[in-house]
């Protein structure tokens, strides 16, 4: 049974790269009552949570969801790698947007926080686990998302975020 909900775009997710000129979205809330591994790049959990709709909160279950998020990235990474090798840069836009979304999801969820896209630079300053020079490098990626160099920066982010995840889990066990 469908439970479609019309959601006004929350200020926290307002970012022109991801939601240009979008004021409302319609989401079937029943799809997000548990973990849906293919949804990390859609911000659906954050959209529902912003309206206080009961849904799964992946940022509260990092240990359970992180491997799926990384696997989704690896699928996208392989597709992007092939497109860049074939010099089909005109086709990389949607996949890069998914990859960048997954990068933000993995970074915020690793820190047990919902994703914040609006003024994300300020939001990451408050996170405990962040790759070195993340803001500067992500600004480059967002300004030129279809460049091969942006893809390589994104690849490096994901390697660094995976290492940060392992570090965070080790620190949790010590507590």
C-alpha atoms as a PDB file:
ATOM      1  CA  UNK A   1       0.000   0.000   0.000  1.00  0.00           C
ATOM      2  CA  UNK A   2       1.387   3.360  -1.055  1.00  0.00           C
ATOM      3  CA  UNK A   3       1.757   6.238   1.383  1.00  0.00           C
ATOM      4  CA  UNK A   4       2.772   9.128  -0.882  1.00  0.00           C
ATOM      5  CA  UNK A   5       3.584  12.328   0.935  1.00  0.00           C
ATOM      6  CA  UNK A   6       4.135  15.758  -0.589  1.00  0.00           C
ATOM      7  CA  UNK A   7       7.125  17.363   1.090  1.00  0.00           C
ATOM      8  CA  UNK A   8       8.231  20.969   0.831  1.00  0.00           C
ATOM      9  CA  UNK A   9      11.959  21.239   0.244  1.00  0.00           C
ATOM     10  CA  UNK A  10      13.546  21.809   3.664  1.00  0.00           C
ATOM     11  CA  UNK A  11      16.125  24.557   3.986  1.00  0.00           C
ATOM     12  CA  UNK A  12      18.760  22.017   5.095  1.00  0.00           C
ATOM     13  CA  UNK A  13      18.646  20.292   1.692  1.00  0.00           C
ATOM     14  CA  UNK A  14      18.367  23.417  -0.408  1.00  0.00           C
ATOM     15  CA  UNK A  15      21.322  23.310  -2.801  1.00  0.00           C
ATOM     16  CA  UNK A  16      21.204  24.287  -6.481  1.00  0.00           C
ATOM     17  CA  UNK A  17      23.311  21.350  -7.697  1.00  0.00           C
ATOM     18  CA  UNK A  18      20.972  18.764  -6.201  1.00  0.00           C
ATOM     19  CA  UNK A  19      17.570  20.476  -6.146  1.00  0.00           C
ATOM     20  CA  UNK A  20      17.540  23.301  -8.664  1.00  0.00           C
ATOM     21  CA  UNK A  21      14.125  25.019  -8.727  1.00  0.00           C
ATOM     22  CA  UNK A  22      12.438  22.186  -6.839  1.00  0.00           C
ATOM     23  CA  UNK A  23      10.044  23.353  -4.150  1.00  0.00           C
ATOM     24  CA  UNK A  24       8.231  20.083  -3.409  1.00  0.00           C
ATOM     25  CA  UNK A  25       8.822  16.377  -3.836  1.00  0.00           C
ATOM     26  CA  UNK A  26       6.481  13.418  -3.522  1.00  0.00           C
ATOM     27  CA  UNK A  27       7.828  10.409  -1.639  1.00  0.00           C
ATOM     28  CA  UNK A  28       6.250   7.059  -0.908  1.00  0.00           C
ATOM     29  CA  UNK A  29       7.040   6.847   2.811  1.00  0.00           C
ATOM     30  CA  UNK A  30       6.393   3.085   2.922  1.00  0.00           C
ATOM     31  CA  UNK A  31       9.601   2.530   0.930  1.00  0.00           C
ATOM     32  CA  UNK A  32      11.683   4.136   3.682  1.00  0.00           C
ATOM     33  CA  UNK A  33      10.442   2.423   6.822  1.00  0.00           C
ATOM     34  CA  UNK A  34      13.541   0.231   6.672  1.00  0.00           C
ATOM     35  CA  UNK A  35      16.912   0.480   4.998  1.00  0.00           C
ATOM     36  CA  UNK A  36      16.747   0.745   1.216  1.00  0.00           C
ATOM     37  CA  UNK A  37      20.321   0.497  -0.023  1.00  0.00           C
ATOM     38  CA  UNK A  38      19.655   2.171  -3.366  1.00  0.00           C
ATOM     39  CA  UNK A  39      18.335   5.331  -1.738  1.00  0.00           C
ATOM     40  CA  UNK A  40      21.537   6.861  -0.343  1.00  0.00           C
ATOM     41  CA  UNK A  41      21.810   9.244  -3.288  1.00  0.00           C
ATOM     42  CA  UNK A  42      18.198  10.467  -3.081  1.00  0.00           C
ATOM     43  CA  UNK A  43      18.166  12.181   0.351  1.00  0.00           C
ATOM     44  CA  UNK A  44      14.738  10.588   0.938  1.00  0.00           C
ATOM     45  CA  UNK A  45      15.371   9.771   4.589  1.00  0.00           C
ATOM     46  CA  UNK A  46      16.344  13.367   5.316  1.00  0.00           C
ATOM     47  CA  UNK A  47      13.343  14.682   3.388  1.00  0.00           C
ATOM     48  CA  UNK A  48      10.956  12.507   5.397  1.00  0.00           C
ATOM     49  CA  UNK A  49      12.676  13.229   8.716  1.00  0.00           C
ATOM     50  CA  UNK A  50      12.492  16.975   8.032  1.00  0.00           C
ATOM     51  CA  UNK A  51       8.694  16.658   8.060  1.00  0.00           C
ATOM     52  CA  UNK A  52       8.731  14.439  11.162  1.00  0.00           C
ATOM     53  CA  UNK A  53       7.447  11.497   9.102  1.00  0.00           C
ATOM     54  CA  UNK A  54       8.332   8.210  10.751  1.00  0.00           C
ATOM     55  CA  UNK A  55      11.055   6.525   8.722  1.00  0.00           C
ATOM     56  CA  UNK A  56      14.336   4.688   9.082  1.00  0.00           C
ATOM     57  CA  UNK A  57      17.275   6.915  10.079  1.00  0.00           C
ATOM     58  CA  UNK A  58      20.430   5.551   8.435  1.00  0.00           C
ATOM     59  CA  UNK A  59      22.582   8.026  10.385  1.00  0.00           C
ATOM     60  CA  UNK A  60      21.546   6.159  13.542  1.00  0.00           C
ATOM     61  CA  UNK A  61      22.553   2.776  12.067  1.00  0.00           C
ATOM     62  CA  UNK A  62      25.890   3.554  10.442  1.00  0.00           C
ATOM     63  CA  UNK A  63      27.425   0.171  11.114  1.00  0.00           C
ATOM     64  CA  UNK A  64      24.526  -1.580   9.348  1.00  0.00           C
ATOM     65  CA  UNK A  65      24.276   0.691   6.286  1.00  0.00           C
ATOM     66  CA  UNK A  66      27.819   1.816   5.550  1.00  0.00           C
ATOM     67  CA  UNK A  67      28.870  -1.255   3.535  1.00  0.00           C
ATOM     68  CA  UNK A  68      25.800  -0.891   1.298  1.00  0.00           C
ATOM     69  CA  UNK A  69      26.564   2.774   0.677  1.00  0.00           C
ATOM     70  CA  UNK A  70      30.150   1.929  -0.268  1.00  0.00           C
ATOM     71  CA  UNK A  71      28.945  -0.866  -2.579  1.00  0.00           C
ATOM     72  CA  UNK A  72      26.549   1.560  -4.289  1.00  0.00           C
ATOM     73  CA  UNK A  73      29.481   3.913  -4.793  1.00  0.00           C
ATOM     74  CA  UNK A  74      31.612   1.128  -6.265  1.00  0.00           C
ATOM     75  CA  UNK A  75      28.877   0.326  -8.803  1.00  0.00           C
ATOM     76  CA  UNK A  76      28.688   3.978  -9.826  1.00  0.00           C
ATOM     77  CA  UNK A  77      32.474   4.268  -9.813  1.00  0.00           C
ATOM     78  CA  UNK A  78      32.795   1.364 -12.272  1.00  0.00           C
ATOM     79  CA  UNK A  79      30.235   2.932 -14.608  1.00  0.00           C
ATOM     80  CA  UNK A  80      31.939   6.314 -14.438  1.00  0.00           C
ATOM     81  CA  UNK A  81      35.355   4.781 -15.013  1.00  0.00           C
ATOM     82  CA  UNK A  82      34.094   3.104 -18.162  1.00  0.00           C
ATOM     83  CA  UNK A  83      32.476   6.304 -19.468  1.00  0.00           C
ATOM     84  CA  UNK A  84      35.643   8.322 -18.863  1.00  0.00           C
ATOM     85  CA  UNK A  85      37.774   5.646 -20.548  1.00  0.00           C
ATOM     86  CA  UNK A  86      35.481   5.838 -23.562  1.00  0.00           C
ATOM     87  CA  UNK A  87      35.636   9.661 -23.400  1.00  0.00           C
ATOM     88  CA  UNK A  88      31.864   9.904 -23.071  1.00  0.00           C
ATOM     89  CA  UNK A  89      32.004  12.844 -20.666  1.00  0.00           C
ATOM     90  CA  UNK A  90      28.636  14.154 -21.841  1.00  0.00           C
ATOM     91  CA  UNK A  91      27.024  11.109 -20.179  1.00  0.00           C
ATOM     92  CA  UNK A  92      28.676  11.310 -16.751  1.00  0.00           C
ATOM     93  CA  UNK A  93      26.495  14.077 -15.224  1.00  0.00           C
ATOM     94  CA  UNK A  94      23.742  11.959 -13.622  1.00  0.00           C
ATOM     95  CA  UNK A  95      26.216   9.383 -12.314  1.00  0.00           C
ATOM     96  CA  UNK A  96      28.492  12.066 -10.880  1.00  0.00           C
ATOM     97  CA  UNK A  97      25.495  13.603  -9.120  1.00  0.00           C
ATOM     98  CA  UNK A  98      24.703  10.190  -7.612  1.00  0.00           C
ATOM     99  CA  UNK A  99      28.335   9.725  -6.605  1.00  0.00           C
ATOM    100  CA  UNK A 100      28.547  13.160  -4.997  1.00  0.00           C
ATOM    101  CA  UNK A 101      25.272  12.471  -3.170  1.00  0.00           C
ATOM    102  CA  UNK A 102      26.657   9.182  -1.877  1.00  0.00           C
ATOM    103  CA  UNK A 103      29.806  10.979  -0.759  1.00  0.00           C
ATOM    104  CA  UNK A 104      27.747  13.457   1.277  1.00  0.00           C
ATOM    105  CA  UNK A 105      25.579  10.641   2.657  1.00  0.00           C
ATOM    106  CA  UNK A 106      28.568   8.560   3.708  1.00  0.00           C
ATOM    107  CA  UNK A 107      30.279  11.548   5.333  1.00  0.00           C
ATOM    108  CA  UNK A 108      27.283  12.795   7.320  1.00  0.00           C
ATOM    109  CA  UNK A 109      25.990   9.337   8.235  1.00  0.00           C
ATOM    110  CA  UNK A 110      29.481   8.275   9.335  1.00  0.00           C
ATOM    111  CA  UNK A 111      29.242  11.139  11.815  1.00  0.00           C
ATOM    112  CA  UNK A 112      25.745   9.990  12.834  1.00  0.00           C
ATOM    113  CA  UNK A 113      24.081  13.102  11.404  1.00  0.00           C
ATOM    114  CA  UNK A 114      21.458  13.595   8.705  1.00  0.00           C
ATOM    115  CA  UNK A 115      22.743  15.171   5.500  1.00  0.00           C
ATOM    116  CA  UNK A 116      22.890  18.960   5.326  1.00  0.00           C
ATOM    117  CA  UNK A 117      23.420  20.435   1.867  1.00  0.00           C
ATOM    118  CA  UNK A 118      22.548  24.067   2.543  1.00  0.00           C
ATOM    119  CA  UNK A 119      25.744  25.734   3.754  1.00  0.00           C
ATOM    120  CA  UNK A 120      27.333  22.286   3.990  1.00  0.00           C
ATOM    121  CA  UNK A 121      30.737  23.904   4.527  1.00  0.00           C
ATOM    122  CA  UNK A 122      29.606  25.134   7.959  1.00  0.00           C
ATOM    123  CA  UNK A 123      27.953  21.807   8.740  1.00  0.00           C
ATOM    124  CA  UNK A 124      31.116  19.773   8.093  1.00  0.00           C
ATOM    125  CA  UNK A 125      33.086  21.996  10.460  1.00  0.00           C
ATOM    126  CA  UNK A 126      31.023  20.459  13.241  1.00  0.00           C
ATOM    127  CA  UNK A 127      31.639  16.835  12.176  1.00  0.00           C
ATOM    128  CA  UNK A 128      34.212  14.735  13.996  1.00  0.00           C
ATOM    129  CA  UNK A 129      35.346  12.615  11.022  1.00  0.00           C
ATOM    130  CA  UNK A 130      36.062  14.573   7.824  1.00  0.00           C
ATOM    131  CA  UNK A 131      38.699  14.083   5.114  1.00  0.00           C
ATOM    132  CA  UNK A 132      41.475  16.682   5.076  1.00  0.00           C
ATOM    133  CA  UNK A 133      40.610  19.774   3.004  1.00  0.00           C
ATOM    134  CA  UNK A 134      37.169  18.338   2.248  1.00  0.00           C
ATOM    135  CA  UNK A 135      35.476  21.710   1.742  1.00  0.00           C
ATOM    136  CA  UNK A 136      38.029  23.027  -0.746  1.00  0.00           C
ATOM    137  CA  UNK A 137      38.119  19.809  -2.733  1.00  0.00           C
ATOM    138  CA  UNK A 138      34.325  19.353  -2.736  1.00  0.00           C
ATOM    139  CA  UNK A 139      33.851  22.937  -3.938  1.00  0.00           C
ATOM    140  CA  UNK A 140      36.069  22.052  -6.899  1.00  0.00           C
ATOM    141  CA  UNK A 141      33.996  18.922  -7.607  1.00  0.00           C
ATOM    142  CA  UNK A 142      30.672  20.766  -7.356  1.00  0.00           C
ATOM    143  CA  UNK A 143      31.906  23.581  -9.612  1.00  0.00           C
ATOM    144  CA  UNK A 144      33.109  21.149 -12.311  1.00  0.00           C
ATOM    145  CA  UNK A 145      31.289  17.847 -11.722  1.00  0.00           C
ATOM    146  CA  UNK A 146      31.822  16.395 -15.202  1.00  0.00           C
ATOM    147  CA  UNK A 147      35.607  16.732 -15.257  1.00  0.00           C
ATOM    148  CA  UNK A 148      37.720  13.614 -14.979  1.00  0.00           C
ATOM    149  CA  UNK A 149      39.709  15.340 -12.212  1.00  0.00           C
ATOM    150  CA  UNK A 150      36.480  15.755 -10.223  1.00  0.00           C
ATOM    151  CA  UNK A 151      35.828  12.043 -10.568  1.00  0.00           C
ATOM    152  CA  UNK A 152      39.326  11.285  -9.249  1.00  0.00           C
ATOM    153  CA  UNK A 153      38.787  13.646  -6.285  1.00  0.00           C
ATOM    154  CA  UNK A 154      35.481  11.907  -5.567  1.00  0.00           C
ATOM    155  CA  UNK A 155      37.197   8.499  -5.717  1.00  0.00           C
ATOM    156  CA  UNK A 156      39.776   9.708  -3.213  1.00  0.00           C
ATOM    157  CA  UNK A 157      37.050  11.060  -0.907  1.00  0.00           C
ATOM    158  CA  UNK A 158      35.397   7.680  -0.786  1.00  0.00           C
ATOM    159  CA  UNK A 159      38.678   5.929   0.032  1.00  0.00           C
ATOM    160  CA  UNK A 160      39.275   8.445   2.825  1.00  0.00           C
ATOM    161  CA  UNK A 161      35.707   8.151   4.156  1.00  0.00           C
ATOM    162  CA  UNK A 162      36.047   4.350   4.280  1.00  0.00           C
ATOM    163  CA  UNK A 163      39.212   4.756   6.367  1.00  0.00           C
ATOM    164  CA  UNK A 164      37.433   7.248   8.621  1.00  0.00           C
ATOM    165  CA  UNK A 165      34.607   4.757   9.095  1.00  0.00           C
ATOM    166  CA  UNK A 166      37.052   2.084  10.259  1.00  0.00           C
ATOM    167  CA  UNK A 167      38.693   4.613  12.582  1.00  0.00           C
ATOM    168  CA  UNK A 168      35.315   5.648  14.024  1.00  0.00           C
ATOM    169  CA  UNK A 169      34.397   2.022  14.715  1.00  0.00           C
ATOM    170  CA  UNK A 170      37.721   1.391  16.471  1.00  0.00           C
ATOM    171  CA  UNK A 171      37.216   4.478  18.628  1.00  0.00           C
ATOM    172  CA  UNK A 172      33.668   3.351  19.499  1.00  0.00           C
ATOM    173  CA  UNK A 173      34.944  -0.044  20.647  1.00  0.00           C
ATOM    174  CA  UNK A 174      37.483   1.646  22.922  1.00  0.00           C
ATOM    175  CA  UNK A 175      34.745   3.581  24.728  1.00  0.00           C
END
